[in-house]
Amino acid sequence: MNSCLEERLDQLIRADQRITTRELCTELNIASVLLQHDNARTHTSLKIAEHTVKLGWTVIPHPPYSPDLAPCDFHLFGPMKDGLCAQHFPSYDTVVRAVKQWATSAGADFYERGMQALVH
């Protein structure tokens, strides 16, 4: 959302905290509300689905993985989990050291293969 629209939205909500989404869309000249939420049971229940349809909102499908995770990182976690399993880490620092040691021992070709796998 651009900052100008954000500021206007903030002004409208501060002026009337009971303003509805329909009224906000009208005021901001927005055709409809796009909603993206995770796949938690409370978000995917029939009641919620019916309510979002009733409000005229469009639900955008949630990606199956965290949007914060770059696709080039997916190849890391399986091997890292295997490499660090059955270990006990008494502190955050020991976890960081173990992960760094694992990443160093994986070798440059491991990362190159991961990047090449993105092509396929």
N, C-alpha and C. Protein backbone atom coordinates (compact mmCIF):
# COMPACT_ATOMS: atom_id res chain seq x y z
N MET A 1 0.85 -1.16 0.00
CA MET A 1 0.00 0.00 0.00
C MET A 1 0.90 1.23 0.00
N ASN A 2 0.57 2.21 -0.84
CA ASN A 2 1.42 3.39 -0.87
C ASN A 2 1.15 4.28 0.35
N SER A 3 2.11 5.12 0.68
CA SER A 3 2.04 5.89 1.93
C SER A 3 0.89 6.90 1.92
N CYS A 4 0.57 7.45 0.77
CA CYS A 4 -0.53 8.41 0.69
C CYS A 4 -1.86 7.72 1.03
N LEU A 5 -2.05 6.54 0.48
CA LEU A 5 -3.26 5.78 0.76
C LEU A 5 -3.31 5.35 2.21
N GLU A 6 -2.16 4.95 2.76
CA GLU A 6 -2.07 4.57 4.16
C GLU A 6 -2.45 5.73 5.08
N GLU A 7 -1.95 6.92 4.76
CA GLU A 7 -2.25 8.11 5.57
C GLU A 7 -3.75 8.42 5.53
N ARG A 8 -4.32 8.34 4.34
CA ARG A 8 -5.77 8.62 4.20
C ARG A 8 -6.58 7.58 4.96
N LEU A 9 -6.19 6.32 4.87
CA LEU A 9 -6.87 5.25 5.59
C LEU A 9 -6.79 5.51 7.09
N ASP A 10 -5.62 5.87 7.56
CA ASP A 10 -5.42 6.17 8.98
C ASP A 10 -6.32 7.33 9.42
N GLN A 11 -6.40 8.37 8.60
CA GLN A 11 -7.26 9.52 8.91
C GLN A 11 -8.72 9.12 9.04
N LEU A 12 -9.18 8.30 8.08
CA LEU A 12 -10.58 7.87 8.09
C LEU A 12 -10.90 7.04 9.32
N ILE A 13 -10.01 6.15 9.68
CA ILE A 13 -10.25 5.28 10.84
C ILE A 13 -10.19 6.09 12.13
N ARG A 14 -9.27 7.04 12.22
CA ARG A 14 -9.19 7.89 13.42
C ARG A 14 -10.43 8.77 13.56
N ALA A 15 -10.95 9.21 12.44
CA ALA A 15 -12.14 10.07 12.48
C ALA A 15 -13.39 9.28 12.89
N ASP A 16 -13.47 8.03 12.47
CA ASP A 16 -14.64 7.20 12.80
C ASP A 16 -14.19 5.76 12.96
N GLN A 17 -14.00 5.32 14.19
CA GLN A 17 -13.50 3.98 14.44
C GLN A 17 -14.54 2.91 14.11
N ARG A 18 -15.76 3.32 13.88
CA ARG A 18 -16.81 2.35 13.54
C ARG A 18 -17.06 2.28 12.03
N ILE A 19 -16.20 2.90 11.25
CA ILE A 19 -16.36 2.91 9.81
C ILE A 19 -16.25 1.48 9.27
N THR A 20 -17.09 1.14 8.32
CA THR A 20 -17.09 -0.21 7.76
C THR A 20 -16.11 -0.31 6.61
N THR A 21 -15.79 -1.55 6.24
CA THR A 21 -14.89 -1.74 5.10
C THR A 21 -15.52 -1.23 3.81
N ARG A 22 -16.83 -1.39 3.68
CA ARG A 22 -17.52 -0.87 2.49
C ARG A 22 -17.37 0.65 2.39
N GLU A 23 -17.56 1.32 3.53
CA GLU A 23 -17.43 2.78 3.55
C GLU A 23 -15.98 3.19 3.25
N LEU A 24 -15.03 2.44 3.79
CA LEU A 24 -13.62 2.75 3.50
C LEU A 24 -13.34 2.60 2.01
N CYS A 25 -13.83 1.52 1.43
CA CYS A 25 -13.61 1.30 -0.01
C CYS A 25 -14.22 2.43 -0.83
N THR A 26 -15.41 2.89 -0.45
CA THR A 26 -16.06 3.99 -1.15
C THR A 26 -15.25 5.27 -1.00
N GLU A 27 -14.84 5.57 0.22
CA GLU A 27 -14.06 6.79 0.48
C GLU A 27 -12.71 6.80 -0.25
N LEU A 28 -12.09 5.62 -0.31
CA LEU A 28 -10.76 5.52 -0.91
C LEU A 28 -10.81 5.16 -2.39
N ASN A 29 -12.03 5.01 -2.92
CA ASN A 29 -12.22 4.65 -4.32
C ASN A 29 -11.52 3.32 -4.66
N ILE A 30 -11.77 2.34 -3.81
CA ILE A 30 -11.21 1.00 -3.99
C ILE A 30 -12.36 0.08 -4.38
N ALA A 31 -12.17 -0.71 -5.43
CA ALA A 31 -13.24 -1.58 -5.92
C ALA A 31 -13.61 -2.66 -4.91
N SER A 32 -12.63 -3.31 -4.31
CA SER A 32 -12.93 -4.35 -3.33
C SER A 32 -11.74 -4.56 -2.40
N VAL A 33 -12.00 -5.30 -1.34
CA VAL A 33 -10.95 -5.61 -0.37
C VAL A 33 -10.33 -6.95 -0.75
N LEU A 34 -9.01 -6.99 -0.79
CA LEU A 34 -8.28 -8.23 -1.00
C LEU A 34 -7.76 -8.69 0.34
N LEU A 35 -8.08 -9.92 0.70
CA LEU A 35 -7.72 -10.45 2.01
C LEU A 35 -6.81 -11.65 1.84
N GLN A 36 -5.67 -11.61 2.49
CA GLN A 36 -4.80 -12.78 2.52
C GLN A 36 -4.52 -13.11 3.97
N HIS A 37 -4.91 -14.30 4.35
CA HIS A 37 -4.59 -14.77 5.69
C HIS A 37 -4.08 -16.20 5.58
N ASP A 38 -3.51 -16.70 6.66
CA ASP A 38 -2.93 -18.04 6.59
C ASP A 38 -4.03 -19.10 6.55
N ASN A 39 -3.63 -20.35 6.51
CA ASN A 39 -4.58 -21.44 6.37
C ASN A 39 -5.02 -22.04 7.71
N ALA A 40 -5.00 -21.22 8.75
CA ALA A 40 -5.44 -21.69 10.06
C ALA A 40 -6.92 -22.06 9.99
N ARG A 41 -7.31 -23.01 10.82
CA ARG A 41 -8.71 -23.47 10.81
C ARG A 41 -9.70 -22.33 11.01
N THR A 42 -9.35 -21.40 11.88
CA THR A 42 -10.27 -20.29 12.13
C THR A 42 -10.45 -19.41 10.90
N HIS A 43 -9.48 -19.38 10.02
CA HIS A 43 -9.57 -18.56 8.82
C HIS A 43 -10.25 -19.28 7.67
N THR A 44 -10.23 -20.60 7.69
CA THR A 44 -10.80 -21.36 6.58
C THR A 44 -12.15 -21.98 6.92
N SER A 45 -12.69 -21.66 8.08
CA SER A 45 -13.97 -22.23 8.47
C SER A 45 -15.09 -21.75 7.54
N LEU A 46 -16.15 -22.51 7.48
CA LEU A 46 -17.27 -22.19 6.61
C LEU A 46 -17.88 -20.83 6.97
N LYS A 47 -18.00 -20.56 8.28
CA LYS A 47 -18.58 -19.27 8.71
C LYS A 47 -17.75 -18.09 8.21
N ILE A 48 -16.45 -18.19 8.33
CA ILE A 48 -15.58 -17.10 7.87
C ILE A 48 -15.67 -16.96 6.36
N ALA A 49 -15.66 -18.09 5.65
CA ALA A 49 -15.77 -18.06 4.19
C ALA A 49 -17.07 -17.39 3.76
N GLU A 50 -18.17 -17.75 4.42
CA GLU A 50 -19.47 -17.14 4.09
C GLU A 50 -19.46 -15.65 4.39
N HIS A 51 -18.85 -15.28 5.49
CA HIS A 51 -18.82 -13.86 5.88
C HIS A 51 -17.99 -13.03 4.91
N THR A 52 -16.87 -13.56 4.47
CA THR A 52 -16.05 -12.79 3.51
C THR A 52 -16.77 -12.64 2.18
N VAL A 53 -17.53 -13.66 1.78
CA VAL A 53 -18.34 -13.54 0.56
C VAL A 53 -19.43 -12.49 0.76
N LYS A 54 -20.07 -12.52 1.91
CA LYS A 54 -21.13 -11.55 2.23
C LYS A 54 -20.59 -10.11 2.19
N LEU A 55 -19.36 -9.93 2.66
CA LEU A 55 -18.75 -8.60 2.65
C LEU A 55 -18.26 -8.20 1.27
N GLY A 56 -18.19 -9.17 0.35
CA GLY A 56 -17.70 -8.86 -0.99
C GLY A 56 -16.19 -8.80 -1.08
N TRP A 57 -15.51 -9.42 -0.12
CA TRP A 57 -14.05 -9.42 -0.12
C TRP A 57 -13.54 -10.55 -1.02
N THR A 58 -12.38 -10.35 -1.59
CA THR A 58 -11.72 -11.39 -2.38
C THR A 58 -10.60 -11.98 -1.54
N VAL A 59 -10.65 -13.30 -1.34
CA VAL A 59 -9.62 -13.96 -0.55
C VAL A 59 -8.53 -14.45 -1.49
N ILE A 60 -7.32 -13.99 -1.24
CA ILE A 60 -6.16 -14.39 -2.04
C ILE A 60 -5.58 -15.65 -1.40
N PRO A 61 -5.34 -16.69 -2.19
CA PRO A 61 -4.79 -17.92 -1.60
C PRO A 61 -3.44 -17.67 -0.92
N HIS A 62 -3.27 -18.32 0.20
CA HIS A 62 -2.01 -18.20 0.94
C HIS A 62 -1.02 -19.20 0.38
N PRO A 63 0.23 -18.79 0.16
CA PRO A 63 1.22 -19.74 -0.34
C PRO A 63 1.48 -20.83 0.69
N PRO A 64 1.84 -22.03 0.24
CA PRO A 64 2.03 -23.13 1.19
C PRO A 64 3.22 -22.96 2.11
N TYR A 65 4.13 -22.08 1.79
CA TYR A 65 5.30 -21.84 2.63
C TYR A 65 5.35 -20.38 3.00
N SER A 66 6.17 -20.08 3.98
CA SER A 66 6.29 -18.72 4.45
C SER A 66 6.72 -17.78 3.33
N PRO A 67 6.02 -16.66 3.14
CA PRO A 67 6.44 -15.72 2.10
C PRO A 67 7.78 -15.05 2.43
N ASP A 68 8.22 -15.19 3.68
CA ASP A 68 9.51 -14.61 4.07
C ASP A 68 10.68 -15.47 3.64
N LEU A 69 10.40 -16.69 3.21
CA LEU A 69 11.46 -17.62 2.85
C LEU A 69 11.70 -17.55 1.34
N ALA A 70 12.90 -17.21 0.96
CA ALA A 70 13.25 -17.12 -0.45
C ALA A 70 13.29 -18.53 -1.05
N PRO A 71 12.78 -18.71 -2.27
CA PRO A 71 12.80 -20.03 -2.89
C PRO A 71 14.19 -20.66 -2.95
N CYS A 72 15.22 -19.83 -3.05
CA CYS A 72 16.58 -20.39 -3.13
C CYS A 72 17.03 -20.97 -1.79
N ASP A 73 16.27 -20.76 -0.72
CA ASP A 73 16.63 -21.31 0.59
C ASP A 73 15.98 -22.65 0.89
N PHE A 74 15.01 -23.08 0.08
CA PHE A 74 14.27 -24.30 0.38
C PHE A 74 15.18 -25.52 0.47
N HIS A 75 16.20 -25.58 -0.35
CA HIS A 75 17.06 -26.77 -0.37
C HIS A 75 17.91 -26.90 0.89
N LEU A 76 17.97 -25.86 1.70
CA LEU A 76 18.82 -25.88 2.90
C LEU A 76 18.24 -26.71 4.05
N PHE A 77 16.96 -26.64 4.26
CA PHE A 77 16.41 -27.07 5.54
C PHE A 77 16.36 -28.58 5.75
N GLY A 78 16.09 -29.35 4.71
CA GLY A 78 16.12 -30.81 4.88
C GLY A 78 17.50 -31.30 5.28
N PRO A 79 18.52 -30.98 4.47
CA PRO A 79 19.88 -31.41 4.85
C PRO A 79 20.35 -30.82 6.19
N MET A 80 19.98 -29.57 6.49
CA MET A 80 20.39 -28.98 7.76
C MET A 80 19.75 -29.72 8.92
N LYS A 81 18.47 -30.06 8.76
CA LYS A 81 17.78 -30.80 9.81
C LYS A 81 18.46 -32.15 10.04
N ASP A 82 18.80 -32.84 8.94
CA ASP A 82 19.48 -34.12 9.05
C ASP A 82 20.86 -33.97 9.71
N GLY A 83 21.57 -32.91 9.36
CA GLY A 83 22.91 -32.69 9.88
C GLY A 83 22.95 -32.29 11.34
N LEU A 84 21.86 -31.68 11.83
CA LEU A 84 21.85 -31.19 13.21
C LEU A 84 20.94 -32.00 14.13
N CYS A 85 20.34 -33.08 13.60
CA CYS A 85 19.40 -33.84 14.43
C CYS A 85 20.12 -34.53 15.60
N ALA A 86 19.34 -34.84 16.61
CA ALA A 86 19.81 -35.56 17.81
C ALA A 86 20.90 -34.82 18.57
N GLN A 87 20.96 -33.51 18.40
CA GLN A 87 21.91 -32.70 19.16
C GLN A 87 21.13 -31.83 20.15
N HIS A 88 21.75 -31.54 21.26
CA HIS A 88 21.14 -30.67 22.26
C HIS A 88 21.88 -29.33 22.25
N PHE A 89 21.12 -28.26 22.19
CA PHE A 89 21.71 -26.93 22.16
C PHE A 89 21.27 -26.17 23.41
N PRO A 90 22.16 -26.02 24.38
CA PRO A 90 21.77 -25.38 25.64
C PRO A 90 21.56 -23.87 25.55
N SER A 91 22.04 -23.25 24.47
CA SER A 91 21.86 -21.80 24.36
C SER A 91 21.74 -21.39 22.90
N TYR A 92 21.29 -20.18 22.71
CA TYR A 92 21.16 -19.62 21.37
C TYR A 92 22.52 -19.60 20.66
N ASP A 93 23.55 -19.22 21.39
CA ASP A 93 24.90 -19.14 20.81
C ASP A 93 25.38 -20.49 20.29
N THR A 94 25.06 -21.57 21.00
CA THR A 94 25.49 -22.89 20.53
C THR A 94 24.73 -23.28 19.26
N VAL A 95 23.49 -22.86 19.14
CA VAL A 95 22.73 -23.12 17.91
C VAL A 95 23.38 -22.38 16.75
N VAL A 96 23.68 -21.10 16.96
CA VAL A 96 24.30 -20.29 15.91
C VAL A 96 25.63 -20.91 15.47
N ARG A 97 26.46 -21.32 16.44
CA ARG A 97 27.75 -21.94 16.09
C ARG A 97 27.55 -23.23 15.30
N ALA A 98 26.60 -24.05 15.73
CA ALA A 98 26.36 -25.33 15.04
C ALA A 98 25.87 -25.11 13.61
N VAL A 99 24.97 -24.14 13.42
CA VAL A 99 24.46 -23.86 12.08
C VAL A 99 25.58 -23.31 11.20
N LYS A 100 26.38 -22.41 11.74
CA LYS A 100 27.50 -21.87 10.96
C LYS A 100 28.48 -22.97 10.59
N GLN A 101 28.76 -23.86 11.52
CA GLN A 101 29.69 -24.95 11.25
C GLN A 101 29.10 -25.87 10.18
N TRP A 102 27.79 -26.18 10.29
CA TRP A 102 27.16 -27.02 9.27
C TRP A 102 27.21 -26.35 7.90
N ALA A 103 26.89 -25.04 7.85
CA ALA A 103 26.88 -24.32 6.57
C ALA A 103 28.27 -24.30 5.94
N THR A 104 29.29 -24.15 6.75
CA THR A 104 30.66 -24.15 6.23
C THR A 104 31.04 -25.53 5.71
N SER A 105 30.65 -26.56 6.43
CA SER A 105 31.01 -27.93 6.04
C SER A 105 30.23 -28.42 4.82
N ALA A 106 29.10 -27.76 4.49
CA ALA A 106 28.28 -28.19 3.35
C ALA A 106 29.03 -28.02 2.03
N GLY A 107 29.92 -27.04 1.95
CA GLY A 107 30.72 -26.84 0.75
C GLY A 107 30.02 -26.00 -0.30
N ALA A 108 30.81 -25.38 -1.14
CA ALA A 108 30.30 -24.48 -2.18
C ALA A 108 29.44 -25.21 -3.19
N ASP A 109 29.78 -26.46 -3.51
CA ASP A 109 29.00 -27.19 -4.50
C ASP A 109 27.58 -27.47 -4.01
N PHE A 110 27.39 -27.60 -2.70
CA PHE A 110 26.05 -27.78 -2.14
C PHE A 110 25.16 -26.61 -2.51
N TYR A 111 25.66 -25.40 -2.35
CA TYR A 111 24.87 -24.20 -2.65
C TYR A 111 24.66 -24.06 -4.16
N GLU A 112 25.67 -24.40 -4.93
CA GLU A 112 25.54 -24.33 -6.39
C GLU A 112 24.47 -25.31 -6.88
N ARG A 113 24.47 -26.53 -6.33
CA ARG A 113 23.44 -27.51 -6.72
C ARG A 113 22.05 -27.00 -6.34
N GLY A 114 21.96 -26.34 -5.19
CA GLY A 114 20.67 -25.77 -4.77
C GLY A 114 20.17 -24.72 -5.74
N MET A 115 21.06 -23.86 -6.21
CA MET A 115 20.68 -22.82 -7.16
C MET A 115 20.30 -23.43 -8.51
N GLN A 116 21.03 -24.46 -8.92
CA GLN A 116 20.71 -25.13 -10.19
C GLN A 116 19.37 -25.85 -10.10
N ALA A 117 19.03 -26.34 -8.93
CA ALA A 117 17.75 -27.03 -8.76
C ALA A 117 16.57 -26.10 -8.97
N LEU A 118 16.76 -24.80 -8.75
CA LEU A 118 15.68 -23.83 -8.97
C LEU A 118 15.25 -23.81 -10.42
N VAL A 119 16.17 -24.06 -11.33
CA VAL A 119 15.87 -24.05 -12.75
C VAL A 119 14.85 -25.15 -13.07
N HIS A 120 15.02 -26.31 -12.42
CA HIS A 120 14.12 -27.44 -12.68
C HIS A 120 12.87 -27.32 -11.87
